[in-house]
Amino acid sequence: MVLCIDVSFSMSGDPLEQAQRGGRGFIEDAVAGGYSIGLVLWDHEILDAVHPTRDAARVHRALDAATARGGTQLVPALTLAERMLMDSDATDKVCVIFSDGSLTDQDDAEAAASRLRSQRVRILTIGLGPVASRGLDPLASPSQPATTTSTAKTLAHDMRQMAAGLKRKNRS
């Protein structure tokens, strides 16, 4: 599994803190549910990445060091997530995408997501606000729930709930 978190400039302050808090819970729950977890921190480029591992502390360190800057282009993150997942021997390949804004590469991101889905990767999405959610909806796997729309106050909880759902699916 790879968690892709938007750390663009618009995530400065409370949104980034909530994404970090939710991400930490997500990582813990995903590992407890039997997943290896990778992380991609992105804005208009890749800022940091950790390949899938069961070492939650390693992923936490990268997440905790995140700072907000730059624009909102998802394709570099999806390209790296694809490489990470295709290199993995996991049978349940999952890419979770979080963003707070409109993607400046929407059409290319939709094509990249389609490529991932064609390789049997499940894509789950969570948007901070309705604009982000509308942009992420076309990326999500059709068999998955619609994009979760969060607020800054609910983001950490919503991310943790998404991981809890994965844990239940992984055990069934």
C-alpha atoms as a PDB file:
ATOM      1  CA  MET A   1       0.000   0.000   0.000  1.00  0.00           C
ATOM      2  CA  VAL A   2       1.163   3.526  -0.755  1.00  0.00           C
ATOM      3  CA  LEU A   3      -0.207   6.633   0.954  1.00  0.00           C
ATOM      4  CA  CYS A   4       0.210   9.753  -1.223  1.00  0.00           C
ATOM      5  CA  ILE A   5      -0.188  12.979   0.771  1.00  0.00           C
ATOM      6  CA  ASP A   6      -0.430  16.434  -0.775  1.00  0.00           C
ATOM      7  CA  VAL A   7       1.964  18.822   0.988  1.00  0.00           C
ATOM      8  CA  SER A   8       1.487  21.761  -1.382  1.00  0.00           C
ATOM      9  CA  PHE A   9       1.623  25.329  -0.059  1.00  0.00           C
ATOM     10  CA  SER A  10      -2.126  25.428   0.573  1.00  0.00           C
ATOM     11  CA  MET A  11      -1.601  22.691   3.194  1.00  0.00           C
ATOM     12  CA  SER A  12       0.362  25.104   5.446  1.00  0.00           C
ATOM     13  CA  GLY A  13      -0.557  25.185   9.114  1.00  0.00           C
ATOM     14  CA  ASP A  14      -3.500  23.241  10.513  1.00  0.00           C
ATOM     15  CA  PRO A  15      -4.302  21.239   7.340  1.00  0.00           C
ATOM     16  CA  LEU A  16      -0.774  19.779   7.260  1.00  0.00           C
ATOM     17  CA  GLU A  17      -0.830  19.089  10.992  1.00  0.00           C
ATOM     18  CA  GLN A  18      -4.150  17.260  10.631  1.00  0.00           C
ATOM     19  CA  ALA A  19      -2.888  15.303   7.598  1.00  0.00           C
ATOM     20  CA  GLN A  20       0.187  14.285   9.604  1.00  0.00           C
ATOM     21  CA  ARG A  21      -1.956  13.248  12.561  1.00  0.00           C
ATOM     22  CA  GLY A  22      -4.330  11.296  10.334  1.00  0.00           C
ATOM     23  CA  GLY A  23      -1.441   9.825   8.383  1.00  0.00           C
ATOM     24  CA  ARG A  24       0.211   8.535  11.553  1.00  0.00           C
ATOM     25  CA  GLY A  25      -3.017   6.792  12.567  1.00  0.00           C
ATOM     26  CA  PHE A  26      -3.515   5.472   9.050  1.00  0.00           C
ATOM     27  CA  ILE A  27       0.018   4.034   9.004  1.00  0.00           C
ATOM     28  CA  GLU A  28      -0.434   2.329  12.378  1.00  0.00           C
ATOM     29  CA  ASP A  29      -3.794   0.824  11.424  1.00  0.00           C
ATOM     30  CA  ALA A  30      -2.607  -0.305   7.992  1.00  0.00           C
ATOM     31  CA  VAL A  31       0.442  -2.081   9.451  1.00  0.00           C
ATOM     32  CA  ALA A  32      -1.733  -3.642  12.175  1.00  0.00           C
ATOM     33  CA  GLY A  33      -4.057  -4.829   9.397  1.00  0.00           C
ATOM     34  CA  GLY A  34      -1.237  -6.729   7.704  1.00  0.00           C
ATOM     35  CA  TYR A  35      -0.148  -4.198   5.086  1.00  0.00           C
ATOM     36  CA  SER A  36       3.296  -2.897   4.275  1.00  0.00           C
ATOM     37  CA  ILE A  37       2.959   0.873   3.897  1.00  0.00           C
ATOM     38  CA  GLY A  38       4.794   3.272   1.618  1.00  0.00           C
ATOM     39  CA  LEU A  39       4.564   7.052   1.642  1.00  0.00           C
ATOM     40  CA  VAL A  40       4.824   9.688  -1.073  1.00  0.00           C
ATOM     41  CA  LEU A  41       4.822  13.349  -0.037  1.00  0.00           C
ATOM     42  CA  TRP A  42       4.094  15.524  -3.054  1.00  0.00           C
ATOM     43  CA  ASP A  43       3.372  19.006  -4.292  1.00  0.00           C
ATOM     44  CA  HIS A  44       4.346  19.662  -7.931  1.00  0.00           C
ATOM     45  CA  GLU A  45       7.137  17.117  -7.466  1.00  0.00           C
ATOM     46  CA  ILE A  46       8.122  14.373  -5.031  1.00  0.00           C
ATOM     47  CA  LEU A  47       9.389  15.854  -1.767  1.00  0.00           C
ATOM     48  CA  ASP A  48      10.008  12.610   0.102  1.00  0.00           C
ATOM     49  CA  ALA A  49       9.154   8.941  -0.244  1.00  0.00           C
ATOM     50  CA  VAL A  50       9.448   5.714   1.696  1.00  0.00           C
ATOM     51  CA  HIS A  51       9.039   2.404  -0.110  1.00  0.00           C
ATOM     52  CA  PRO A  52       6.489  -0.011   1.385  1.00  0.00           C
ATOM     53  CA  THR A  53       7.670  -1.390   4.703  1.00  0.00           C
ATOM     54  CA  ARG A  54       6.246  -2.829   7.910  1.00  0.00           C
ATOM     55  CA  ASP A  55       8.464  -0.386   9.846  1.00  0.00           C
ATOM     56  CA  ALA A  56       5.841   2.196  10.832  1.00  0.00           C
ATOM     57  CA  ALA A  57       8.424   4.321  12.680  1.00  0.00           C
ATOM     58  CA  ARG A  58      10.400   4.823   9.466  1.00  0.00           C
ATOM     59  CA  VAL A  59       7.295   6.039   7.633  1.00  0.00           C
ATOM     60  CA  HIS A  60       6.320   8.247  10.600  1.00  0.00           C
ATOM     61  CA  ARG A  61       9.719   9.984  10.518  1.00  0.00           C
ATOM     62  CA  ALA A  62       9.263  10.991   6.876  1.00  0.00           C
ATOM     63  CA  LEU A  63       5.678  12.134   7.477  1.00  0.00           C
ATOM     64  CA  ASP A  64       6.612  14.135  10.583  1.00  0.00           C
ATOM     65  CA  ALA A  65       9.343  15.979   8.653  1.00  0.00           C
ATOM     66  CA  ALA A  66       6.920  17.166   5.942  1.00  0.00           C
ATOM     67  CA  THR A  67       6.637  20.866   5.222  1.00  0.00           C
ATOM     68  CA  ALA A  68       4.174  22.594   2.900  1.00  0.00           C
ATOM     69  CA  ARG A  69       5.338  24.284  -0.299  1.00  0.00           C
ATOM     70  CA  GLY A  70       4.809  24.258  -4.058  1.00  0.00           C
ATOM     71  CA  GLY A  71       1.875  23.503  -6.354  1.00  0.00           C
ATOM     72  CA  THR A  72      -0.516  20.593  -6.800  1.00  0.00           C
ATOM     73  CA  GLN A  73       0.511  18.134  -9.528  1.00  0.00           C
ATOM     74  CA  LEU A  74      -0.326  14.528  -8.739  1.00  0.00           C
ATOM     75  CA  VAL A  75       1.205  12.655 -11.691  1.00  0.00           C
ATOM     76  CA  PRO A  76       4.758  12.442 -10.254  1.00  0.00           C
ATOM     77  CA  ALA A  77       3.326  10.906  -7.062  1.00  0.00           C
ATOM     78  CA  LEU A  78       1.170   8.417  -8.976  1.00  0.00           C
ATOM     79  CA  THR A  79       4.117   7.422 -11.164  1.00  0.00           C
ATOM     80  CA  LEU A  80       6.270   6.707  -8.108  1.00  0.00           C
ATOM     81  CA  ALA A  81       3.411   4.918  -6.320  1.00  0.00           C
ATOM     82  CA  GLU A  82       2.966   2.717  -9.402  1.00  0.00           C
ATOM     83  CA  ARG A  83       6.657   1.738  -9.371  1.00  0.00           C
ATOM     84  CA  MET A  84       6.517   1.001  -5.636  1.00  0.00           C
ATOM     85  CA  LEU A  85       3.398  -1.145  -5.956  1.00  0.00           C
ATOM     86  CA  MET A  86       4.569  -3.038  -9.027  1.00  0.00           C
ATOM     87  CA  ASP A  87       7.842  -3.842  -7.230  1.00  0.00           C
ATOM     88  CA  SER A  88       5.851  -5.178  -4.272  1.00  0.00           C
ATOM     89  CA  ASP A  89       4.840  -8.812  -3.877  1.00  0.00           C
ATOM     90  CA  ALA A  90       1.628  -7.771  -2.087  1.00  0.00           C
ATOM     91  CA  THR A  91      -1.521  -9.401  -3.407  1.00  0.00           C
ATOM     92  CA  ASP A  92      -3.731  -6.460  -2.386  1.00  0.00           C
ATOM     93  CA  LYS A  93      -2.186  -3.376  -3.993  1.00  0.00           C
ATOM     94  CA  VAL A  94      -3.711  -0.129  -2.744  1.00  0.00           C
ATOM     95  CA  CYS A  95      -2.939   3.521  -3.465  1.00  0.00           C
ATOM     96  CA  VAL A  96      -4.517   6.075  -1.135  1.00  0.00           C
ATOM     97  CA  ILE A  97      -4.499   9.666  -2.377  1.00  0.00           C
ATOM     98  CA  PHE A  98      -5.071  12.725  -0.185  1.00  0.00           C
ATOM     99  CA  SER A  99      -5.275  16.282  -1.538  1.00  0.00           C
ATOM    100  CA  ASP A 100      -6.751  19.611  -0.486  1.00  0.00           C
ATOM    101  CA  GLY A 101      -7.075  21.376  -3.818  1.00  0.00           C
ATOM    102  CA  SER A 102      -7.678  21.305  -7.510  1.00  0.00           C
ATOM    103  CA  LEU A 103      -5.099  19.279  -9.394  1.00  0.00           C
ATOM    104  CA  THR A 104      -3.248  21.319 -11.996  1.00  0.00           C
ATOM    105  CA  ASP A 105      -2.685  18.096 -13.987  1.00  0.00           C
ATOM    106  CA  GLN A 106      -6.218  16.651 -13.734  1.00  0.00           C
ATOM    107  CA  ASP A 107      -6.367  14.973 -17.173  1.00  0.00           C
ATOM    108  CA  ASP A 108      -2.915  13.426 -16.842  1.00  0.00           C
ATOM    109  CA  ALA A 109      -3.711  12.325 -13.275  1.00  0.00           C
ATOM    110  CA  GLU A 110      -6.864  10.585 -14.514  1.00  0.00           C
ATOM    111  CA  ALA A 111      -4.813   8.761 -17.169  1.00  0.00           C
ATOM    112  CA  ALA A 112      -2.198   7.724 -14.584  1.00  0.00           C
ATOM    113  CA  ALA A 113      -4.933   6.493 -12.226  1.00  0.00           C
ATOM    114  CA  SER A 114      -6.514   4.523 -15.048  1.00  0.00           C
ATOM    115  CA  ARG A 115      -3.154   2.857 -15.697  1.00  0.00           C
ATOM    116  CA  LEU A 116      -2.899   1.910 -12.013  1.00  0.00           C
ATOM    117  CA  ARG A 117      -6.428   0.509 -11.956  1.00  0.00           C
ATOM    118  CA  SER A 118      -5.669  -1.563 -15.077  1.00  0.00           C
ATOM    119  CA  GLN A 119      -2.881  -3.197 -13.043  1.00  0.00           C
ATOM    120  CA  ARG A 120      -5.384  -4.211 -10.360  1.00  0.00           C
ATOM    121  CA  VAL A 121      -4.422  -1.428  -7.954  1.00  0.00           C
ATOM    122  CA  ARG A 122      -7.294  -0.212  -5.775  1.00  0.00           C
ATOM    123  CA  ILE A 123      -7.338   3.580  -5.509  1.00  0.00           C
ATOM    124  CA  LEU A 124      -8.968   5.223  -2.508  1.00  0.00           C
ATOM    125  CA  THR A 125      -9.258   8.995  -2.261  1.00  0.00           C
ATOM    126  CA  ILE A 126      -9.820  11.566   0.448  1.00  0.00           C
ATOM    127  CA  GLY A 127     -10.267  15.266  -0.261  1.00  0.00           C
ATOM    128  CA  LEU A 128     -10.074  18.222   2.069  1.00  0.00           C
ATOM    129  CA  GLY A 129     -13.234  20.035   1.023  1.00  0.00           C
ATOM    130  CA  PRO A 130     -15.678  19.542  -1.849  1.00  0.00           C
ATOM    131  CA  VAL A 131     -13.461  20.990  -4.606  1.00  0.00           C
ATOM    132  CA  ALA A 132     -10.683  18.517  -3.856  1.00  0.00           C
ATOM    133  CA  SER A 133     -13.163  15.657  -3.583  1.00  0.00           C
ATOM    134  CA  ARG A 134     -14.697  16.420  -6.980  1.00  0.00           C
ATOM    135  CA  GLY A 135     -11.231  16.371  -8.546  1.00  0.00           C
ATOM    136  CA  LEU A 136     -10.303  13.101  -6.860  1.00  0.00           C
ATOM    137  CA  ASP A 137     -13.554  11.246  -7.635  1.00  0.00           C
ATOM    138  CA  PRO A 138     -12.544  10.320 -11.218  1.00  0.00           C
ATOM    139  CA  LEU A 139      -9.311   8.779  -9.891  1.00  0.00           C
ATOM    140  CA  ALA A 140     -10.898   6.383  -7.403  1.00  0.00           C
ATOM    141  CA  SER A 141     -11.552   2.758  -8.245  1.00  0.00           C
ATOM    142  CA  PRO A 142     -15.210   2.318  -9.212  1.00  0.00           C
ATOM    143  CA  SER A 143     -15.557  -0.603  -6.788  1.00  0.00           C
ATOM    144  CA  GLN A 144     -14.494   1.592  -3.857  1.00  0.00           C
ATOM    145  CA  PRO A 145     -16.566   4.094  -1.869  1.00  0.00           C
ATOM    146  CA  ALA A 146     -16.778   7.615  -3.269  1.00  0.00           C
ATOM    147  CA  THR A 147     -14.095  10.088  -2.297  1.00  0.00           C
ATOM    148  CA  THR A 148     -14.284  10.912   1.391  1.00  0.00           C
ATOM    149  CA  THR A 149     -14.828  14.661   1.814  1.00  0.00           C
ATOM    150  CA  SER A 150     -13.141  15.924   4.967  1.00  0.00           C
ATOM    151  CA  THR A 151     -12.770  19.194   6.795  1.00  0.00           C
ATOM    152  CA  ALA A 152      -9.674  20.237   8.719  1.00  0.00           C
ATOM    153  CA  LYS A 153     -11.489  19.141  11.887  1.00  0.00           C
ATOM    154  CA  THR A 154     -12.446  15.682  10.565  1.00  0.00           C
ATOM    155  CA  LEU A 155      -9.394  14.870   8.434  1.00  0.00           C
ATOM    156  CA  ALA A 156      -7.395  12.907  11.006  1.00  0.00           C
ATOM    157  CA  HIS A 157     -10.467  10.878  11.985  1.00  0.00           C
ATOM    158  CA  ASP A 158     -11.485  10.276   8.350  1.00  0.00           C
ATOM    159  CA  MET A 159      -8.012   9.043   7.394  1.00  0.00           C
ATOM    160  CA  ARG A 160      -8.003   6.657  10.340  1.00  0.00           C
ATOM    161  CA  GLN A 161     -11.479   5.371   9.403  1.00  0.00           C
ATOM    162  CA  MET A 162     -10.270   4.662   5.875  1.00  0.00           C
ATOM    163  CA  ALA A 163      -7.442   2.524   7.259  1.00  0.00           C
ATOM    164  CA  ALA A 164      -9.852   0.708   9.575  1.00  0.00           C
ATOM    165  CA  GLY A 165     -11.949  -0.215   6.547  1.00  0.00           C
ATOM    166  CA  LEU A 166      -8.878  -1.595   4.812  1.00  0.00           C
ATOM    167  CA  LYS A 167      -8.020  -3.657   7.859  1.00  0.00           C
ATOM    168  CA  ARG A 168     -11.467  -5.248   7.841  1.00  0.00           C
ATOM    169  CA  LYS A 169     -11.237  -5.930   4.084  1.00  0.00           C
ATOM    170  CA  ASN A 170      -7.783  -7.439   4.450  1.00  0.00           C
ATOM    171  CA  ARG A 171      -8.988  -9.862   7.110  1.00  0.00           C
ATOM    172  CA  SER A 172     -12.040 -11.086   5.212  1.00  0.00           C
END
